[in-house]
Amino acid sequence: MILIMAVLFSLFYLFQINKMTFALCESKEIPEDKQPKVYRTVNILITILILSFFVQVLVST
């Protein structure tokens, strides 16, 4: 049950981070050709954070 809640929270969290990344790109006027690199970097870092959270949840249960 905790794992299902963690997955749902992670999907919501990733969606919110992508919305904030979009707002950052708009406010800082990052060129269109550099935006995919920004998204890729943010998504990789957030995915590492989420995976470490999953490992912590699995180890603690």
N, C-alpha and C. Protein backbone atom coordinates (compact mmCIF):
# COMPACT_ATOMS: atom_id res chain seq x y z
N MET A 1 0.82 -1.19 0.00
CA MET A 1 0.00 0.00 0.00
C MET A 1 0.87 1.27 0.00
N ILE A 2 1.92 1.23 0.81
CA ILE A 2 2.81 2.40 0.87
C ILE A 2 3.50 2.60 -0.47
N LEU A 3 3.86 1.50 -1.12
CA LEU A 3 4.54 1.61 -2.41
C LEU A 3 3.64 2.23 -3.47
N ILE A 4 2.36 1.88 -3.46
CA ILE A 4 1.40 2.45 -4.41
C ILE A 4 1.26 3.96 -4.17
N MET A 5 1.17 4.34 -2.91
CA MET A 5 1.08 5.76 -2.59
C MET A 5 2.35 6.50 -3.00
N ALA A 6 3.50 5.86 -2.83
CA ALA A 6 4.77 6.48 -3.21
C ALA A 6 4.85 6.68 -4.73
N VAL A 7 4.36 5.71 -5.49
CA VAL A 7 4.37 5.83 -6.95
C VAL A 7 3.45 6.97 -7.39
N LEU A 8 2.26 7.04 -6.81
CA LEU A 8 1.34 8.11 -7.17
C LEU A 8 1.91 9.48 -6.80
N PHE A 9 2.49 9.57 -5.63
CA PHE A 9 3.12 10.83 -5.22
C PHE A 9 4.26 11.20 -6.16
N SER A 10 5.04 10.22 -6.57
CA SER A 10 6.18 10.49 -7.45
C SER A 10 5.73 11.00 -8.81
N LEU A 11 4.67 10.42 -9.34
CA LEU A 11 4.15 10.89 -10.63
C LEU A 11 3.64 12.33 -10.52
N PHE A 12 2.92 12.61 -9.45
CA PHE A 12 2.44 13.98 -9.22
C PHE A 12 3.62 14.94 -9.06
N TYR A 13 4.62 14.52 -8.31
CA TYR A 13 5.80 15.35 -8.05
C TYR A 13 6.55 15.64 -9.35
N LEU A 14 6.73 14.63 -10.18
CA LEU A 14 7.43 14.81 -11.45
C LEU A 14 6.66 15.76 -12.37
N PHE A 15 5.34 15.63 -12.38
CA PHE A 15 4.50 16.53 -13.18
C PHE A 15 4.65 17.97 -12.70
N GLN A 16 4.64 18.18 -11.41
CA GLN A 16 4.77 19.53 -10.86
C GLN A 16 6.15 20.12 -11.15
N ILE A 17 7.19 19.30 -11.05
CA ILE A 17 8.54 19.77 -11.36
C ILE A 17 8.64 20.18 -12.82
N ASN A 18 8.01 19.43 -13.72
CA ASN A 18 8.03 19.79 -15.14
C ASN A 18 7.28 21.10 -15.38
N LYS A 19 6.19 21.33 -14.66
CA LYS A 19 5.48 22.61 -14.78
C LYS A 19 6.37 23.75 -14.31
N MET A 20 7.10 23.55 -13.21
CA MET A 20 7.99 24.60 -12.71
C MET A 20 9.17 24.82 -13.65
N THR A 21 9.65 23.76 -14.29
CA THR A 21 10.73 23.89 -15.27
C THR A 21 10.26 24.70 -16.46
N PHE A 22 9.03 24.45 -16.90
CA PHE A 22 8.46 25.23 -17.99
C PHE A 22 8.38 26.70 -17.61
N ALA A 23 7.93 26.98 -16.38
CA ALA A 23 7.84 28.37 -15.92
C ALA A 23 9.22 29.01 -15.86
N LEU A 24 10.22 28.25 -15.44
CA LEU A 24 11.59 28.76 -15.41
C LEU A 24 12.07 29.12 -16.81
N CYS A 25 11.82 28.21 -17.75
CA CYS A 25 12.25 28.47 -19.14
C CYS A 25 11.56 29.70 -19.71
N GLU A 26 10.29 29.88 -19.36
CA GLU A 26 9.56 31.06 -19.84
C GLU A 26 10.06 32.35 -19.19
N SER A 27 10.28 32.31 -17.89
CA SER A 27 10.67 33.54 -17.19
C SER A 27 12.10 33.96 -17.50
N LYS A 28 12.99 32.99 -17.68
CA LYS A 28 14.40 33.31 -17.98
C LYS A 28 14.65 33.43 -19.47
N GLU A 29 13.59 33.23 -20.27
CA GLU A 29 13.67 33.33 -21.73
C GLU A 29 14.81 32.48 -22.29
N ILE A 30 14.84 31.23 -21.87
CA ILE A 30 15.84 30.27 -22.37
C ILE A 30 15.50 29.94 -23.82
N PRO A 31 16.48 29.98 -24.71
CA PRO A 31 16.21 29.70 -26.12
C PRO A 31 15.63 28.29 -26.33
N GLU A 32 14.83 28.17 -27.39
CA GLU A 32 14.16 26.90 -27.69
C GLU A 32 15.13 25.75 -27.87
N ASP A 33 16.30 26.00 -28.42
CA ASP A 33 17.24 24.91 -28.67
C ASP A 33 17.92 24.41 -27.39
N LYS A 34 17.91 25.21 -26.32
CA LYS A 34 18.53 24.78 -25.06
C LYS A 34 17.51 24.20 -24.07
N GLN A 35 16.23 24.40 -24.32
CA GLN A 35 15.21 23.91 -23.40
C GLN A 35 15.22 22.39 -23.23
N PRO A 36 15.39 21.59 -24.29
CA PRO A 36 15.42 20.13 -24.07
C PRO A 36 16.53 19.69 -23.12
N LYS A 37 17.68 20.38 -23.17
CA LYS A 37 18.77 20.03 -22.26
C LYS A 37 18.40 20.35 -20.81
N VAL A 38 17.71 21.47 -20.61
CA VAL A 38 17.27 21.84 -19.26
C VAL A 38 16.27 20.81 -18.74
N TYR A 39 15.28 20.45 -19.56
CA TYR A 39 14.30 19.44 -19.17
C TYR A 39 14.96 18.10 -18.87
N ARG A 40 15.88 17.69 -19.73
CA ARG A 40 16.56 16.41 -19.54
C ARG A 40 17.34 16.39 -18.23
N THR A 41 18.07 17.46 -17.96
CA THR A 41 18.85 17.53 -16.73
C THR A 41 17.95 17.49 -15.49
N VAL A 42 16.91 18.28 -15.49
CA VAL A 42 16.00 18.31 -14.35
C VAL A 42 15.33 16.96 -14.17
N ASN A 43 14.86 16.36 -15.26
CA ASN A 43 14.16 15.08 -15.15
C ASN A 43 15.10 13.97 -14.67
N ILE A 44 16.33 13.96 -15.11
CA ILE A 44 17.28 12.95 -14.65
C ILE A 44 17.55 13.12 -13.16
N LEU A 45 17.76 14.34 -12.72
CA LEU A 45 18.03 14.58 -11.30
C LEU A 45 16.83 14.22 -10.43
N ILE A 46 15.63 14.56 -10.87
CA ILE A 46 14.43 14.22 -10.10
C ILE A 46 14.21 12.72 -10.10
N THR A 47 14.49 12.05 -11.21
CA THR A 47 14.35 10.60 -11.26
C THR A 47 15.32 9.92 -10.30
N ILE A 48 16.53 10.41 -10.20
CA ILE A 48 17.49 9.88 -9.22
C ILE A 48 16.96 10.09 -7.80
N LEU A 49 16.41 11.26 -7.54
CA LEU A 49 15.83 11.54 -6.23
C LEU A 49 14.68 10.59 -5.92
N ILE A 50 13.80 10.36 -6.89
CA ILE A 50 12.66 9.47 -6.69
C ILE A 50 13.12 8.03 -6.49
N LEU A 51 14.10 7.59 -7.26
CA LEU A 51 14.60 6.22 -7.10
C LEU A 51 15.24 6.01 -5.74
N SER A 52 15.95 7.01 -5.25
CA SER A 52 16.54 6.88 -3.92
C SER A 52 15.44 6.84 -2.85
N PHE A 53 14.36 7.57 -3.07
CA PHE A 53 13.22 7.52 -2.17
C PHE A 53 12.59 6.12 -2.17
N PHE A 54 12.43 5.52 -3.36
CA PHE A 54 11.87 4.17 -3.45
C PHE A 54 12.76 3.16 -2.73
N VAL A 55 14.05 3.28 -2.90
CA VAL A 55 14.98 2.37 -2.22
C VAL A 55 14.83 2.53 -0.71
N GLN A 56 14.72 3.75 -0.26
CA GLN A 56 14.57 3.98 1.18
C GLN A 56 13.25 3.37 1.68
N VAL A 57 12.17 3.51 0.91
CA VAL A 57 10.89 2.95 1.31
C VAL A 57 10.96 1.42 1.33
N LEU A 58 11.59 0.85 0.33
CA LEU A 58 11.69 -0.63 0.27
C LEU A 58 12.56 -1.19 1.37
N VAL A 59 13.62 -0.49 1.72
CA VAL A 59 14.51 -0.97 2.77
C VAL A 59 13.85 -0.84 4.14
N SER A 60 13.09 0.21 4.34
CA SER A 60 12.48 0.44 5.65
C SER A 60 11.27 -0.45 5.92
N THR A 61 10.67 -1.02 4.88
CA THR A 61 9.50 -1.90 5.10
C THR A 61 9.89 -3.35 5.15
